[in-house]
Each structure stands twice: as C-alpha cells, then as structure tokens.
Amino acid sequence: MFGLFKSNPTAKLRKKMQQVQEKSMQAQRRGDIRSHSMLSAEADELWKEIQRLEADEKK
C-alpha cells in the first residue's frame, strides 16, 4: 500500500529513452545520419542504465 506513491526510477528513464528514440527516428527520416547515430548511442546508454537498475532491484 505504501509502495503506491513510491517513484519508480526506471519509469523516468524509459520515458526519456522513448523520447530519444523518437528524435533518432525523425533524424533518420530527415537524412541526418550523424544525429541519428548520436541519438541511437544515447538511447543504448539509457537502456543499459535501465537494465542495471532493474537488476539491482531484483537482488
């Protein structure tokens, strides 16, 4: 019951990752491959951080 109002740290990261992926897709559609690559790398780093946090929660 008290966990209801507890913030989920991975939820914020997932939302940010989704936004970065959206920007990456738009850059690719515009033909801006350099920006697409940089944004894809940022999304990958966010995904690794999410996985690390979820693994720590399971312990």
Protein backbone atom coordinates (compact mmCIF):
# COMPACT_ATOMS: atom_id res chain seq x y z
CA MET A 1 0.00 0.00 0.00
CA PHE A 2 2.78 2.43 0.86
CA GLY A 3 4.64 1.49 -2.31
CA LEU A 4 1.84 3.12 -4.28
CA PHE A 5 3.38 6.58 -4.03
CA LYS A 6 6.98 5.42 -4.33
CA SER A 7 8.61 6.68 -7.51
CA ASN A 8 9.95 4.20 -10.00
CA PRO A 9 13.40 5.31 -11.19
CA THR A 10 13.27 3.18 -14.33
CA ALA A 11 9.97 4.73 -15.45
CA LYS A 12 11.59 8.12 -15.92
CA LEU A 13 14.50 6.58 -17.81
CA ARG A 14 12.16 4.58 -20.03
CA LYS A 15 10.22 7.74 -20.89
CA LYS A 16 13.43 9.61 -21.69
CA MET A 17 14.70 6.67 -23.79
CA GLN A 18 11.44 6.65 -25.74
CA GLN A 19 11.79 10.38 -26.45
CA VAL A 20 15.41 9.96 -27.59
CA GLN A 21 14.42 7.06 -29.86
CA GLU A 22 11.67 9.20 -31.38
CA LYS A 23 14.16 12.02 -32.07
CA SER A 24 16.56 9.48 -33.56
CA MET A 25 13.89 8.14 -35.89
CA GLN A 26 12.98 11.65 -37.02
CA ALA A 27 16.67 12.45 -37.67
CA GLN A 28 16.97 9.30 -39.77
CA ARG A 29 13.91 10.24 -41.79
CA ARG A 30 15.39 13.69 -42.45
CA GLY A 31 18.59 12.03 -43.66
CA ASP A 32 20.68 13.35 -40.76
CA ILE A 33 22.62 10.14 -40.15
CA ARG A 34 25.14 11.74 -37.78
CA SER A 35 22.42 12.92 -35.39
CA HIS A 36 20.67 9.58 -35.74
CA SER A 37 23.85 7.76 -34.72
CA MET A 38 24.46 10.02 -31.72
CA LEU A 39 20.87 9.72 -30.52
CA SER A 40 20.90 5.95 -31.00
CA ALA A 41 24.04 5.71 -28.88
CA GLU A 42 22.38 7.81 -26.18
CA ALA A 43 19.32 5.54 -26.24
CA ASP A 44 21.59 2.48 -25.91
CA GLU A 45 23.26 4.01 -22.84
CA LEU A 46 19.87 4.71 -21.29
CA TRP A 47 18.82 1.11 -21.96
CA LYS A 48 21.96 -0.21 -20.26
CA GLU A 49 21.23 2.01 -17.24
CA ILE A 50 17.64 0.71 -17.09
CA GLN A 51 18.85 -2.89 -17.20
CA ARG A 52 21.39 -2.19 -14.44
CA LEU A 53 18.74 -0.59 -12.20
CA GLU A 54 16.29 -3.44 -12.77
CA ALA A 55 18.97 -6.00 -11.97
CA ASP A 56 19.78 -4.16 -8.73
CA GLU A 57 16.08 -4.13 -7.77
CA LYS A 58 15.85 -7.90 -8.16
CA LYS A 59 18.70 -8.53 -5.75
